[in-house]
């Protein structure tokens, strides 16, 4: 079974971007999306033991589409 961790990505009021993990106490920020990806990747590696580490990281940005039911 594939494990996944989800990050909500938003523009920061101070400029740049912020990413918060859902269900985990991981937060990071960066000036660009590219830097943010690297920082999130490093934060996930540091936060989890090798055996508990998720297989994938999902970035949820403002480009995601929400469809009401």
N, C-alpha and C. Protein backbone atom coordinates (compact mmCIF):
# COMPACT_ATOMS: atom_id res chain seq x y z
N UNK A 1 0.85 -1.18 0.00
CA UNK A 1 0.00 0.00 0.00
C UNK A 1 0.89 1.24 0.00
N UNK A 2 0.59 2.15 -0.90
CA UNK A 2 1.38 3.38 -1.01
C UNK A 2 0.97 4.36 0.08
N UNK A 3 1.96 4.91 0.74
CA UNK A 3 1.70 5.93 1.76
C UNK A 3 1.95 7.30 1.14
N UNK A 4 1.13 8.24 1.51
CA UNK A 4 1.22 9.59 0.93
C UNK A 4 1.05 10.62 2.05
N UNK A 5 1.78 11.70 1.94
CA UNK A 5 1.58 12.83 2.84
C UNK A 5 1.13 14.01 1.98
N UNK A 6 0.16 14.76 2.49
CA UNK A 6 -0.43 15.87 1.74
C UNK A 6 -0.02 17.19 2.38
N UNK A 7 0.41 18.12 1.53
CA UNK A 7 0.76 19.47 1.97
C UNK A 7 -0.18 20.48 1.31
N UNK A 8 -0.70 21.39 2.10
CA UNK A 8 -1.47 22.52 1.59
C UNK A 8 -0.47 23.65 1.34
N UNK A 9 -0.43 24.14 0.12
CA UNK A 9 0.51 25.18 -0.27
C UNK A 9 -0.26 26.47 -0.53
N UNK A 10 0.19 27.55 0.10
CA UNK A 10 -0.46 28.86 -0.06
C UNK A 10 0.60 29.93 -0.23
N UNK A 11 0.20 31.03 -0.86
CA UNK A 11 1.09 32.18 -0.93
C UNK A 11 1.14 32.82 0.46
N UNK A 12 2.33 33.23 0.86
CA UNK A 12 2.52 33.85 2.16
C UNK A 12 2.18 35.34 2.09
N UNK A 13 1.65 35.88 3.16
CA UNK A 13 1.35 37.31 3.20
C UNK A 13 2.62 38.14 3.10
N UNK A 14 3.74 37.59 3.57
CA UNK A 14 5.01 38.29 3.53
C UNK A 14 5.74 38.10 2.20
N UNK A 15 5.18 37.33 1.30
CA UNK A 15 5.82 36.98 0.04
C UNK A 15 6.31 35.55 0.09
N UNK A 16 6.46 34.95 -1.05
CA UNK A 16 6.87 33.55 -1.11
C UNK A 16 5.71 32.61 -0.87
N UNK A 17 6.02 31.42 -0.39
CA UNK A 17 5.02 30.36 -0.22
C UNK A 17 5.20 29.64 1.10
N UNK A 18 4.10 29.06 1.59
CA UNK A 18 4.09 28.27 2.81
C UNK A 18 3.49 26.91 2.50
N UNK A 19 3.98 25.88 3.20
CA UNK A 19 3.42 24.53 3.05
C UNK A 19 3.20 23.93 4.43
N UNK A 20 1.99 23.39 4.65
CA UNK A 20 1.63 22.74 5.91
C UNK A 20 1.16 21.32 5.60
N UNK A 21 1.68 20.38 6.36
CA UNK A 21 1.26 18.98 6.19
C UNK A 21 -0.07 18.74 6.88
N UNK A 22 -0.91 17.96 6.28
CA UNK A 22 -2.17 17.55 6.91
C UNK A 22 -1.89 16.35 7.82
N UNK A 23 -2.26 16.48 9.08
CA UNK A 23 -2.12 15.38 10.02
C UNK A 23 -0.74 15.21 10.62
N UNK A 24 0.18 16.11 10.30
CA UNK A 24 1.53 16.04 10.85
C UNK A 24 2.00 17.46 11.17
N UNK A 25 2.90 17.58 12.11
CA UNK A 25 3.38 18.91 12.50
C UNK A 25 4.60 19.29 11.66
N UNK A 26 4.37 19.46 10.36
CA UNK A 26 5.44 19.87 9.45
C UNK A 26 4.99 21.16 8.76
N UNK A 27 5.83 22.18 8.84
CA UNK A 27 5.57 23.47 8.21
C UNK A 27 6.89 23.99 7.66
N UNK A 28 6.86 24.54 6.47
CA UNK A 28 8.05 25.18 5.92
C UNK A 28 7.62 26.29 4.97
N UNK A 29 8.55 27.17 4.63
CA UNK A 29 8.26 28.27 3.73
C UNK A 29 9.48 28.55 2.87
N UNK A 30 9.24 29.17 1.70
CA UNK A 30 10.32 29.47 0.77
C UNK A 30 9.89 30.60 -0.15
N UNK A 31 10.84 31.16 -0.86
CA UNK A 31 10.57 32.25 -1.79
C UNK A 31 9.92 31.77 -3.09
N UNK A 32 10.29 30.57 -3.56
CA UNK A 32 9.75 30.05 -4.82
C UNK A 32 9.16 28.66 -4.60
N UNK A 33 8.32 28.24 -5.54
CA UNK A 33 7.74 26.90 -5.48
C UNK A 33 8.83 25.84 -5.57
N UNK A 34 9.83 26.07 -6.42
CA UNK A 34 10.93 25.12 -6.54
C UNK A 34 11.67 24.92 -5.24
N UNK A 35 11.98 26.02 -4.56
CA UNK A 35 12.63 25.93 -3.25
C UNK A 35 11.72 25.22 -2.25
N UNK A 36 10.43 25.54 -2.31
CA UNK A 36 9.48 24.94 -1.38
C UNK A 36 9.44 23.42 -1.54
N UNK A 37 9.46 22.94 -2.77
CA UNK A 37 9.49 21.49 -3.00
C UNK A 37 10.71 20.87 -2.33
N UNK A 38 11.86 21.49 -2.51
CA UNK A 38 13.08 20.96 -1.89
C UNK A 38 12.98 20.98 -0.37
N UNK A 39 12.47 22.07 0.20
CA UNK A 39 12.34 22.19 1.65
C UNK A 39 11.36 21.18 2.22
N UNK A 40 10.25 20.97 1.51
CA UNK A 40 9.25 19.99 1.97
C UNK A 40 9.86 18.60 1.93
N UNK A 41 10.55 18.28 0.87
CA UNK A 41 11.19 16.98 0.74
C UNK A 41 12.15 16.74 1.90
N UNK A 42 13.00 17.73 2.18
CA UNK A 42 13.95 17.61 3.29
C UNK A 42 13.24 17.48 4.64
N UNK A 43 12.17 18.25 4.82
CA UNK A 43 11.42 18.20 6.08
C UNK A 43 10.79 16.82 6.29
N UNK A 44 10.27 16.23 5.23
CA UNK A 44 9.68 14.89 5.34
C UNK A 44 10.75 13.87 5.70
N UNK A 45 11.92 13.97 5.06
CA UNK A 45 13.01 13.05 5.38
C UNK A 45 13.43 13.15 6.84
N UNK A 46 13.45 14.38 7.37
CA UNK A 46 13.85 14.59 8.76
C UNK A 46 12.76 14.17 9.76
N UNK A 47 11.50 14.35 9.38
CA UNK A 47 10.38 14.11 10.30
C UNK A 47 10.11 12.63 10.53
N UNK A 48 10.28 11.81 9.51
CA UNK A 48 9.91 10.39 9.60
C UNK A 48 11.14 9.50 9.66
N UNK A 49 11.03 8.40 10.42
CA UNK A 49 12.03 7.34 10.35
C UNK A 49 11.93 6.69 8.98
N UNK A 50 12.99 6.06 8.56
CA UNK A 50 13.03 5.48 7.21
C UNK A 50 11.89 4.49 6.98
N UNK A 51 11.54 3.69 7.99
CA UNK A 51 10.48 2.69 7.84
C UNK A 51 9.08 3.30 7.80
N UNK A 52 8.91 4.50 8.35
CA UNK A 52 7.60 5.13 8.43
C UNK A 52 7.40 6.22 7.37
N UNK A 53 8.40 6.48 6.58
CA UNK A 53 8.38 7.58 5.62
C UNK A 53 7.36 7.31 4.51
N UNK A 54 6.59 8.33 4.13
CA UNK A 54 5.64 8.15 3.02
C UNK A 54 6.38 7.95 1.70
N UNK A 55 5.70 7.32 0.75
CA UNK A 55 6.27 7.08 -0.57
C UNK A 55 6.15 8.30 -1.47
N UNK A 56 5.10 9.09 -1.26
CA UNK A 56 4.87 10.26 -2.11
C UNK A 56 4.46 11.46 -1.27
N UNK A 57 4.70 12.64 -1.87
CA UNK A 57 4.29 13.91 -1.29
C UNK A 57 3.34 14.56 -2.29
N UNK A 58 2.15 14.92 -1.82
CA UNK A 58 1.18 15.60 -2.69
C UNK A 58 1.11 17.07 -2.30
N UNK A 59 1.28 17.95 -3.29
CA UNK A 59 1.16 19.40 -3.11
C UNK A 59 -0.23 19.82 -3.55
N UNK A 60 -1.01 20.39 -2.66
CA UNK A 60 -2.34 20.92 -3.00
C UNK A 60 -2.21 22.44 -3.04
N UNK A 61 -2.34 22.99 -4.22
CA UNK A 61 -2.17 24.42 -4.42
C UNK A 61 -3.49 25.05 -4.83
N UNK A 62 -3.47 26.35 -5.07
CA UNK A 62 -4.67 27.04 -5.50
C UNK A 62 -5.09 26.64 -6.91
N UNK A 63 -4.29 25.83 -7.58
CA UNK A 63 -4.66 25.35 -8.91
C UNK A 63 -5.54 24.12 -8.85
N UNK A 64 -5.71 23.54 -7.65
CA UNK A 64 -6.61 22.41 -7.50
C UNK A 64 -8.04 22.87 -7.74
N UNK A 65 -8.82 22.03 -8.32
CA UNK A 65 -10.21 22.35 -8.59
C UNK A 65 -11.10 21.71 -7.54
N UNK A 66 -12.04 22.48 -7.03
CA UNK A 66 -13.01 21.97 -6.07
C UNK A 66 -14.37 21.97 -6.73
N UNK A 67 -15.03 20.83 -6.70
CA UNK A 67 -16.34 20.70 -7.34
C UNK A 67 -17.37 20.45 -6.25
N UNK A 68 -18.32 21.36 -6.08
CA UNK A 68 -19.35 21.14 -5.07
C UNK A 68 -20.28 19.99 -5.46
N UNK A 69 -20.80 19.32 -4.44
CA UNK A 69 -21.72 18.19 -4.68
C UNK A 69 -23.11 18.62 -4.33
